[in-house]
């Protein structure tokens, strides 16, 4: 569920960029999309680390 939420936020930001800066070159569009992708990969890694730390281990592990 969290992956879908992150993807939706990423897509929304890309759409906002495209409508907010209509005179941006295709290179700038790709650059921003790549930057946002890397940013959301880092956020996803941090979220997964946080979830691993916050989940208590069961006695069967």
PDB file of N, CA and C in Angstrom:
ATOM      1  N   UNK A   1       0.829  -1.196   0.000  1.00  0.00           N
ATOM      2  CA  UNK A   1       0.000   0.000   0.000  1.00  0.00           C
ATOM      3  C   UNK A   1       0.874   1.261   0.000  1.00  0.00           C
ATOM      4  N   UNK A   2       1.952   1.212   0.763  1.00  0.00           N
ATOM      5  CA  UNK A   2       2.837   2.364   0.850  1.00  0.00           C
ATOM      6  C   UNK A   2       3.534   2.633  -0.481  1.00  0.00           C
ATOM      7  N   UNK A   3       3.855   1.559  -1.219  1.00  0.00           N
ATOM      8  CA  UNK A   3       4.480   1.720  -2.534  1.00  0.00           C
ATOM      9  C   UNK A   3       3.555   2.459  -3.497  1.00  0.00           C
ATOM     10  N   UNK A   4       2.289   2.095  -3.476  1.00  0.00           N
ATOM     11  CA  UNK A   4       1.319   2.750  -4.358  1.00  0.00           C
ATOM     12  C   UNK A   4       1.151   4.215  -3.993  1.00  0.00           C
ATOM     13  N   UNK A   5       1.143   4.499  -2.695  1.00  0.00           N
ATOM     14  CA  UNK A   5       1.024   5.886  -2.239  1.00  0.00           C
ATOM     15  C   UNK A   5       2.231   6.699  -2.696  1.00  0.00           C
ATOM     16  N   UNK A   6       3.435   6.149  -2.523  1.00  0.00           N
ATOM     17  CA  UNK A   6       4.645   6.844  -2.962  1.00  0.00           C
ATOM     18  C   UNK A   6       4.637   7.069  -4.468  1.00  0.00           C
ATOM     19  N   UNK A   7       4.200   6.068  -5.220  1.00  0.00           N
ATOM     20  CA  UNK A   7       4.146   6.209  -6.674  1.00  0.00           C
ATOM     21  C   UNK A   7       3.159   7.304  -7.069  1.00  0.00           C
ATOM     22  N   UNK A   8       2.016   7.360  -6.394  1.00  0.00           N
ATOM     23  CA  UNK A   8       1.018   8.383  -6.694  1.00  0.00           C
ATOM     24  C   UNK A   8       1.561   9.780  -6.395  1.00  0.00           C
ATOM     25  N   UNK A   9       2.280   9.929  -5.291  1.00  0.00           N
ATOM     26  CA  UNK A   9       2.878  11.218  -4.956  1.00  0.00           C
ATOM     27  C   UNK A   9       3.912  11.604  -6.009  1.00  0.00           C
ATOM     28  N   UNK A  10       4.748  10.631  -6.414  1.00  0.00           N
ATOM     29  CA  UNK A  10       5.751  10.890  -7.447  1.00  0.00           C
ATOM     30  C   UNK A  10       5.082  11.334  -8.752  1.00  0.00           C
ATOM     31  N   UNK A  11       4.062  10.618  -9.159  1.00  0.00           N
ATOM     32  CA  UNK A  11       3.349  10.962 -10.390  1.00  0.00           C
ATOM     33  C   UNK A  11       2.723  12.348 -10.295  1.00  0.00           C
ATOM     34  N   UNK A  12       2.140  12.662  -9.146  1.00  0.00           N
ATOM     35  CA  UNK A  12       1.537  13.984  -8.952  1.00  0.00           C
ATOM     36  C   UNK A  12       2.579  15.087  -9.074  1.00  0.00           C
ATOM     37  N   UNK A  13       3.756  14.870  -8.497  1.00  0.00           N
ATOM     38  CA  UNK A  13       4.818  15.871  -8.583  1.00  0.00           C
ATOM     39  C   UNK A  13       5.321  16.043 -10.012  1.00  0.00           C
ATOM     40  N   UNK A  14       5.416  14.952 -10.758  1.00  0.00           N
ATOM     41  CA  UNK A  14       5.836  15.046 -12.159  1.00  0.00           C
ATOM     42  C   UNK A  14       4.787  15.813 -12.970  1.00  0.00           C
ATOM     43  N   UNK A  15       3.515  15.539 -12.728  1.00  0.00           N
ATOM     44  CA  UNK A  15       2.450  16.248 -13.442  1.00  0.00           C
ATOM     45  C   UNK A  15       2.454  17.730 -13.076  1.00  0.00           C
ATOM     46  N   UNK A  16       2.612  18.027 -11.777  1.00  0.00           N
ATOM     47  CA  UNK A  16       2.690  19.430 -11.354  1.00  0.00           C
ATOM     48  C   UNK A  16       3.873  20.142 -12.007  1.00  0.00           C
ATOM     49  N   UNK A  17       5.001  19.452 -12.112  1.00  0.00           N
ATOM     50  CA  UNK A  17       6.165  20.038 -12.775  1.00  0.00           C
ATOM     51  C   UNK A  17       5.835  20.366 -14.233  1.00  0.00           C
ATOM     52  N   UNK A  18       5.212  19.416 -14.917  1.00  0.00           N
ATOM     53  CA  UNK A  18       4.915  19.621 -16.335  1.00  0.00           C
ATOM     54  C   UNK A  18       3.916  20.750 -16.564  1.00  0.00           C
ATOM     55  N   UNK A  19       2.929  20.881 -15.696  1.00  0.00           N
ATOM     56  CA  UNK A  19       1.967  21.971 -15.853  1.00  0.00           C
ATOM     57  C   UNK A  19       2.488  23.281 -15.264  1.00  0.00           C
ATOM     58  N   UNK A  20       3.322  23.200 -14.251  1.00  0.00           N
ATOM     59  CA  UNK A  20       3.858  24.403 -13.622  1.00  0.00           C
ATOM     60  C   UNK A  20       4.940  25.078 -14.448  1.00  0.00           C
ATOM     61  N   UNK A  21       5.668  24.275 -15.216  1.00  0.00           N
ATOM     62  CA  UNK A  21       6.748  24.798 -16.047  1.00  0.00           C
ATOM     63  C   UNK A  21       6.570  24.310 -17.481  1.00  0.00           C
ATOM     64  N   UNK A  22       5.568  24.863 -18.182  1.00  0.00           N
ATOM     65  CA  UNK A  22       5.268  24.355 -19.522  1.00  0.00           C
ATOM     66  C   UNK A  22       6.368  24.648 -20.546  1.00  0.00           C
ATOM     67  N   UNK A  23       7.222  25.627 -20.265  1.00  0.00           N
ATOM     68  CA  UNK A  23       8.279  25.959 -21.223  1.00  0.00           C
ATOM     69  C   UNK A  23       9.582  25.201 -20.960  1.00  0.00           C
ATOM     70  N   UNK A  24       9.538  24.257 -20.034  1.00  0.00           N
ATOM     71  CA  UNK A  24      10.732  23.457 -19.751  1.00  0.00           C
ATOM     72  C   UNK A  24      11.062  22.585 -20.956  1.00  0.00           C
ATOM     73  N   UNK A  25      12.348  22.416 -21.182  1.00  0.00           N
ATOM     74  CA  UNK A  25      12.786  21.581 -22.304  1.00  0.00           C
ATOM     75  C   UNK A  25      12.567  20.112 -21.952  1.00  0.00           C
ATOM     76  N   UNK A  26      12.543  19.255 -22.961  1.00  0.00           N
ATOM     77  CA  UNK A  26      12.419  17.814 -22.677  1.00  0.00           C
ATOM     78  C   UNK A  26      13.545  17.311 -21.771  1.00  0.00           C
ATOM     79  N   UNK A  27      14.744  17.849 -21.931  1.00  0.00           N
ATOM     80  CA  UNK A  27      15.854  17.454 -21.073  1.00  0.00           C
ATOM     81  C   UNK A  27      15.555  17.790 -19.614  1.00  0.00           C
ATOM     82  N   UNK A  28      15.014  18.975 -19.369  1.00  0.00           N
ATOM     83  CA  UNK A  28      14.665  19.365 -18.006  1.00  0.00           C
ATOM     84  C   UNK A  28      13.565  18.470 -17.446  1.00  0.00           C
ATOM     85  N   UNK A  29      12.591  18.105 -18.282  1.00  0.00           N
ATOM     86  CA  UNK A  29      11.525  17.202 -17.839  1.00  0.00           C
ATOM     87  C   UNK A  29      12.095  15.853 -17.396  1.00  0.00           C
ATOM     88  N   UNK A  30      12.995  15.311 -18.199  1.00  0.00           N
ATOM     89  CA  UNK A  30      13.596  14.027 -17.863  1.00  0.00           C
ATOM     90  C   UNK A  30      14.464  14.166 -16.612  1.00  0.00           C
ATOM     91  N   UNK A  31      15.215  15.241 -16.517  1.00  0.00           N
ATOM     92  CA  UNK A  31      16.082  15.469 -15.366  1.00  0.00           C
ATOM     93  C   UNK A  31      15.273  15.527 -14.069  1.00  0.00           C
ATOM     94  N   UNK A  32      14.161  16.232 -14.080  1.00  0.00           N
ATOM     95  CA  UNK A  32      13.314  16.332 -12.884  1.00  0.00           C
ATOM     96  C   UNK A  32      12.679  14.982 -12.560  1.00  0.00           C
ATOM     97  N   UNK A  33      12.229  14.264 -13.561  1.00  0.00           N
ATOM     98  CA  UNK A  33      11.633  12.943 -13.322  1.00  0.00           C
ATOM     99  C   UNK A  33      12.662  11.983 -12.718  1.00  0.00           C
ATOM    100  N   UNK A  34      13.893  12.013 -13.211  1.00  0.00           N
ATOM    101  CA  UNK A  34      14.944  11.154 -12.670  1.00  0.00           C
ATOM    102  C   UNK A  34      15.273  11.572 -11.239  1.00  0.00           C
ATOM    103  N   UNK A  35      15.386  12.869 -11.000  1.00  0.00           N
ATOM    104  CA  UNK A  35      15.663  13.363  -9.640  1.00  0.00           C
ATOM    105  C   UNK A  35      14.573  12.923  -8.671  1.00  0.00           C
ATOM    106  N   UNK A  36      13.320  13.062  -9.067  1.00  0.00           N
ATOM    107  CA  UNK A  36      12.220  12.640  -8.201  1.00  0.00           C
ATOM    108  C   UNK A  36      12.230  11.130  -7.988  1.00  0.00           C
ATOM    109  N   UNK A  37      12.579  10.372  -9.017  1.00  0.00           N
ATOM    110  CA  UNK A  37      12.651   8.919  -8.866  1.00  0.00           C
ATOM    111  C   UNK A  37      13.712   8.529  -7.844  1.00  0.00           C
ATOM    112  N   UNK A  38      14.889   9.138  -7.952  1.00  0.00           N
ATOM    113  CA  UNK A  38      15.964   8.841  -6.999  1.00  0.00           C
ATOM    114  C   UNK A  38      15.549   9.253  -5.597  1.00  0.00           C
ATOM    115  N   UNK A  39      14.921  10.407  -5.472  1.00  0.00           N
ATOM    116  CA  UNK A  39      14.451  10.876  -4.169  1.00  0.00           C
ATOM    117  C   UNK A  39      13.467   9.882  -3.553  1.00  0.00           C
ATOM    118  N   UNK A  40      12.542   9.371  -4.352  1.00  0.00           N
ATOM    119  CA  UNK A  40      11.551   8.447  -3.823  1.00  0.00           C
ATOM    120  C   UNK A  40      12.135   7.059  -3.568  1.00  0.00           C
ATOM    121  N   UNK A  41      13.184   6.675  -4.276  1.00  0.00           N
ATOM    122  CA  UNK A  41      13.881   5.426  -3.956  1.00  0.00           C
ATOM    123  C   UNK A  41      14.535   5.546  -2.586  1.00  0.00           C
ATOM    124  N   UNK A  42      15.156   6.698  -2.322  1.00  0.00           N
ATOM    125  CA  UNK A  42      15.780   6.926  -1.017  1.00  0.00           C
ATOM    126  C   UNK A  42      14.718   6.933   0.078  1.00  0.00           C
ATOM    127  N   UNK A  43      13.597   7.592  -0.164  1.00  0.00           N
ATOM    128  CA  UNK A  43      12.507   7.621   0.819  1.00  0.00           C
ATOM    129  C   UNK A  43      11.998   6.210   1.083  1.00  0.00           C
ATOM    130  N   UNK A  44      11.859   5.413   0.031  1.00  0.00           N
ATOM    131  CA  UNK A  44      11.385   4.037   0.195  1.00  0.00           C
ATOM    132  C   UNK A  44      12.378   3.208   1.015  1.00  0.00           C
ATOM    133  N   UNK A  45      13.674   3.406   0.784  1.00  0.00           N
ATOM    134  CA  UNK A  45      14.681   2.684   1.567  1.00  0.00           C
ATOM    135  C   UNK A  45      14.608   3.084   3.037  1.00  0.00           C
ATOM    136  N   UNK A  46      14.449   4.364   3.307  1.00  0.00           N
ATOM    137  CA  UNK A  46      14.343   4.827   4.687  1.00  0.00           C
ATOM    138  C   UNK A  46      13.082   4.289   5.359  1.00  0.00           C
ATOM    139  N   UNK A  47      11.992   4.251   4.606  1.00  0.00           N
ATOM    140  CA  UNK A  47      10.750   3.718   5.158  1.00  0.00           C
ATOM    141  C   UNK A  47      10.891   2.239   5.487  1.00  0.00           C
ATOM    142  N   UNK A  48      11.531   1.486   4.616  1.00  0.00           N
ATOM    143  CA  UNK A  48      11.684   0.054   4.875  1.00  0.00           C
ATOM    144  C   UNK A  48      12.597  -0.183   6.077  1.00  0.00           C
ATOM    145  N   UNK A  49      13.644   0.613   6.239  1.00  0.00           N
ATOM    146  CA  UNK A  49      14.511   0.487   7.412  1.00  0.00           C
ATOM    147  C   UNK A  49      13.751   0.823   8.676  1.00  0.00           C
ATOM    148  N   UNK A  50      12.937   1.863   8.618  1.00  0.00           N
ATOM    149  CA  UNK A  50      12.155   2.256   9.787  1.00  0.00           C
ATOM    150  C   UNK A  50      11.162   1.167  10.161  1.00  0.00           C
ATOM    151  N   UNK A  51      10.505   0.579   9.160  1.00  0.00           N
ATOM    152  CA  UNK A  51       9.522  -0.480   9.437  1.00  0.00           C
ATOM    153  C   UNK A  51      10.193  -1.717  10.015  1.00  0.00           C
ATOM    154  N   UNK A  52      11.406  -2.031   9.552  1.00  0.00           N
ATOM    155  CA  UNK A  52      12.121  -3.180  10.099  1.00  0.00           C
ATOM    156  C   UNK A  52      12.490  -2.942  11.551  1.00  0.00           C
ATOM    157  N   UNK A  53      12.882  -1.716  11.886  1.00  0.00           N
ATOM    158  CA  UNK A  53      13.271  -1.400  13.252  1.00  0.00           C
ATOM    159  C   UNK A  53      12.060  -1.340  14.182  1.00  0.00           C
ATOM    160  N   UNK A  54      10.922  -0.897  13.670  1.00  0.00           N
ATOM    161  CA  UNK A  54       9.760  -0.715  14.531  1.00  0.00           C
ATOM    162  C   UNK A  54       8.974  -2.000  14.754  1.00  0.00           C
ATOM    163  N   UNK A  55       9.132  -3.012  13.881  1.00  0.00           N
ATOM    164  CA  UNK A  55       8.425  -4.275  14.067  1.00  0.00           C
ATOM    165  C   UNK A  55       9.137  -5.121  15.116  1.00  0.00           C
ATOM    166  N   UNK A  56       8.448  -5.491  16.175  1.00  0.00           N
ATOM    167  CA  UNK A  56       9.105  -6.357  17.165  1.00  0.00           C
ATOM    168  C   UNK A  56       9.259  -7.751  16.600  1.00  0.00           C
ATOM    169  N   UNK A  57      10.344  -8.388  16.973  1.00  0.00           N
ATOM    170  CA  UNK A  57      10.585  -9.752  16.496  1.00  0.00           C
ATOM    171  C   UNK A  57       9.692 -10.727  17.254  1.00  0.00           C
ATOM    172  N   UNK A  58       9.218 -11.704  16.550  1.00  0.00           N
ATOM    173  CA  UNK A  58       8.420 -12.725  17.216  1.00  0.00           C
ATOM    174  C   UNK A  58       9.346 -13.731  17.875  1.00  0.00           C
ATOM    175  N   UNK A  59       8.814 -14.541  18.737  1.00  0.00           N
ATOM    176  CA  UNK A  59       9.635 -15.518  19.438  1.00  0.00           C
ATOM    177  C   UNK A  59      10.005 -16.683  18.523  1.00  0.00           C
ATOM    178  N   UNK A  60       9.447 -16.728  17.321  1.00  0.00           N
ATOM    179  CA  UNK A  60       9.728 -17.805  16.374  1.00  0.00           C
ATOM    180  C   UNK A  60      10.844 -17.456  15.396  1.00  0.00           C
ATOM    181  N   UNK A  61      11.378 -16.242  15.448  1.00  0.00           N
ATOM    182  CA  UNK A  61      12.459 -15.831  14.543  1.00  0.00           C
ATOM    183  C   UNK A  61      13.782 -16.399  14.956  1.00  0.00           C
TER     184      UNK A  61
END
